[in-house]
Amino acid sequence: MINLRCRKCLITASDSSRLFILEYLKKIDREATVNEVVKKLTLRQPTVTFHINKLASVGLIKKRKTGRQVFLKAHLRSSGCSQCILHN
C-alpha cells in the first residue's frame, strides 16, 4: 500500500510541466536557475515558479536563493519515502 507521503509526491509529479522540470533537473545533474527552466518550457515565469514551489513542498527539488536568483536541484532521495518510485 502506498503511504500518504508517496501519494502526495506522485500526485504532485503527475503534472506534465512538473514532470518535465524533474526530468530536466535530474538529467543535467547540477543546479539550474529558474530562468534556465523557464527557457526550456513554453510557460511564463510565474507559472514555472508555481510548479517549482509545488515540487519543493513535497521534497522533490531543493531551492536555494542567492540575491534575486533562485537555484534548483533535483532532490529525489531526501523525502524519506522508500516505497515511492520517484525516490528509488
C-alpha atoms as a PDB file:
ATOM      1  CA  MET A   1       0.000   0.000   0.000  1.00  0.00           C
ATOM      2  CA  ILE A   2       1.282   3.450  -0.879  1.00  0.00           C
ATOM      3  CA  ASN A   3       1.634   5.740   2.113  1.00  0.00           C
ATOM      4  CA  LEU A   4       0.319   9.306   2.206  1.00  0.00           C
ATOM      5  CA  ARG A   5       3.715  10.888   1.521  1.00  0.00           C
ATOM      6  CA  CYS A   6       4.163   8.756  -1.626  1.00  0.00           C
ATOM      7  CA  ARG A   7       0.686   9.687  -2.789  1.00  0.00           C
ATOM      8  CA  LYS A   8       1.486  13.413  -2.441  1.00  0.00           C
ATOM      9  CA  CYS A   9       4.733  13.004  -4.392  1.00  0.00           C
ATOM     10  CA  LEU A  10       3.047  11.074  -7.181  1.00  0.00           C
ATOM     11  CA  ILE A  11       0.121  13.468  -7.447  1.00  0.00           C
ATOM     12  CA  THR A  12       2.476  16.462  -7.482  1.00  0.00           C
ATOM     13  CA  ALA A  13       4.758  14.936 -10.126  1.00  0.00           C
ATOM     14  CA  SER A  14       1.850  13.794 -12.315  1.00  0.00           C
ATOM     15  CA  ASP A  15       1.509  17.211 -13.953  1.00  0.00           C
ATOM     16  CA  SER A  16       3.374  17.202 -17.292  1.00  0.00           C
ATOM     17  CA  SER A  17       5.152  20.511 -16.620  1.00  0.00           C
ATOM     18  CA  ARG A  18       6.317  19.359 -13.193  1.00  0.00           C
ATOM     19  CA  LEU A  19       7.453  16.044 -14.594  1.00  0.00           C
ATOM     20  CA  PHE A  20       9.436  17.896 -17.270  1.00  0.00           C
ATOM     21  CA  ILE A  21      11.080  20.074 -14.608  1.00  0.00           C
ATOM     22  CA  LEU A  22      12.005  16.990 -12.562  1.00  0.00           C
ATOM     23  CA  GLU A  23      13.371  15.131 -15.587  1.00  0.00           C
ATOM     24  CA  TYR A  24      15.347  18.176 -16.731  1.00  0.00           C
ATOM     25  CA  LEU A  25      16.932  18.759 -13.313  1.00  0.00           C
ATOM     26  CA  LYS A  26      17.736  15.080 -12.950  1.00  0.00           C
ATOM     27  CA  LYS A  27      19.251  14.942 -16.457  1.00  0.00           C
ATOM     28  CA  ILE A  28      21.569  17.919 -16.040  1.00  0.00           C
ATOM     29  CA  ASP A  29      22.626  16.737 -12.542  1.00  0.00           C
ATOM     30  CA  ARG A  30      23.567  20.234 -11.375  1.00  0.00           C
ATOM     31  CA  GLU A  31      21.858  23.338 -10.093  1.00  0.00           C
ATOM     32  CA  ALA A  32      19.826  25.301 -12.616  1.00  0.00           C
ATOM     33  CA  THR A  33      18.278  28.725 -12.314  1.00  0.00           C
ATOM     34  CA  VAL A  34      14.555  29.303 -12.598  1.00  0.00           C
ATOM     35  CA  ASN A  35      15.269  31.368 -15.730  1.00  0.00           C
ATOM     36  CA  GLU A  36      17.035  28.381 -17.287  1.00  0.00           C
ATOM     37  CA  VAL A  37      13.987  26.187 -16.639  1.00  0.00           C
ATOM     38  CA  VAL A  38      11.638  28.887 -17.988  1.00  0.00           C
ATOM     39  CA  LYS A  39      13.627  28.934 -21.250  1.00  0.00           C
ATOM     40  CA  LYS A  40      13.176  25.160 -21.615  1.00  0.00           C
ATOM     41  CA  LEU A  41       9.400  25.308 -21.104  1.00  0.00           C
ATOM     42  CA  THR A  42       6.793  27.188 -23.094  1.00  0.00           C
ATOM     43  CA  LEU A  43       5.321  28.619 -19.898  1.00  0.00           C
ATOM     44  CA  ARG A  44       5.585  32.038 -18.300  1.00  0.00           C
ATOM     45  CA  GLN A  45       7.886  32.556 -15.313  1.00  0.00           C
ATOM     46  CA  PRO A  46       5.089  32.872 -12.701  1.00  0.00           C
ATOM     47  CA  THR A  47       3.619  29.545 -13.855  1.00  0.00           C
ATOM     48  CA  VAL A  48       7.014  27.825 -13.692  1.00  0.00           C
ATOM     49  CA  THR A  49       7.564  29.258 -10.210  1.00  0.00           C
ATOM     50  CA  PHE A  50       4.193  27.861  -9.133  1.00  0.00           C
ATOM     51  CA  HIS A  51       5.193  24.379 -10.330  1.00  0.00           C
ATOM     52  CA  ILE A  52       8.627  24.666  -8.703  1.00  0.00           C
ATOM     53  CA  ASN A  53       7.049  25.591  -5.372  1.00  0.00           C
ATOM     54  CA  LYS A  54       4.736  22.564  -5.580  1.00  0.00           C
ATOM     55  CA  LEU A  55       7.688  20.245  -6.259  1.00  0.00           C
ATOM     56  CA  ALA A  56       9.704  21.785  -3.437  1.00  0.00           C
ATOM     57  CA  SER A  57       6.801  21.467  -0.992  1.00  0.00           C
ATOM     58  CA  VAL A  58       6.899  17.655  -1.252  1.00  0.00           C
ATOM     59  CA  GLY A  59      10.700  17.466  -1.250  1.00  0.00           C
ATOM     60  CA  LEU A  60      11.299  16.523  -4.887  1.00  0.00           C
ATOM     61  CA  ILE A  61      13.548  19.517  -5.542  1.00  0.00           C
ATOM     62  CA  LYS A  62      15.651  21.845  -3.432  1.00  0.00           C
ATOM     63  CA  LYS A  63      15.644  25.600  -3.873  1.00  0.00           C
ATOM     64  CA  ARG A  64      18.488  27.928  -2.940  1.00  0.00           C
ATOM     65  CA  LYS A  65      18.168  31.685  -3.228  1.00  0.00           C
ATOM     66  CA  THR A  66      21.160  33.938  -3.807  1.00  0.00           C
ATOM     67  CA  GLY A  67      20.167  37.553  -4.232  1.00  0.00           C
ATOM     68  CA  ARG A  68      17.408  37.558  -6.836  1.00  0.00           C
ATOM     69  CA  GLN A  69      18.457  34.261  -8.412  1.00  0.00           C
ATOM     70  CA  VAL A  70      16.814  31.002  -7.343  1.00  0.00           C
ATOM     71  CA  PHE A  71      18.789  27.827  -7.959  1.00  0.00           C
ATOM     72  CA  LEU A  72      17.111  24.430  -8.245  1.00  0.00           C
ATOM     73  CA  LYS A  73      18.375  20.877  -7.949  1.00  0.00           C
ATOM     74  CA  ALA A  74      16.592  17.538  -8.122  1.00  0.00           C
ATOM     75  CA  HIS A  75      16.378  16.137  -4.612  1.00  0.00           C
ATOM     76  CA  LEU A  76      14.579  12.872  -5.173  1.00  0.00           C
ATOM     77  CA  ARG A  77      16.034  10.700  -2.418  1.00  0.00           C
ATOM     78  CA  SER A  78      15.560  13.047   0.503  1.00  0.00           C
ATOM     79  CA  SER A  79      11.913  12.832   1.433  1.00  0.00           C
ATOM     80  CA  GLY A  80      12.280   9.599   3.373  1.00  0.00           C
ATOM     81  CA  CYS A  81       9.790   7.679   1.291  1.00  0.00           C
ATOM     82  CA  SER A  82      11.478   4.439   0.311  1.00  0.00           C
ATOM     83  CA  GLN A  83       8.407   2.946  -1.382  1.00  0.00           C
ATOM     84  CA  CYS A  84       7.803   5.690  -3.920  1.00  0.00           C
ATOM     85  CA  ILE A  85       9.137   5.070  -7.432  1.00  0.00           C
ATOM     86  CA  LEU A  86      10.277   8.688  -7.586  1.00  0.00           C
ATOM     87  CA  HIS A  87      12.701   8.132  -4.720  1.00  0.00           C
ATOM     88  CA  ASN A  88      14.315   4.902  -5.923  1.00  0.00           C
END
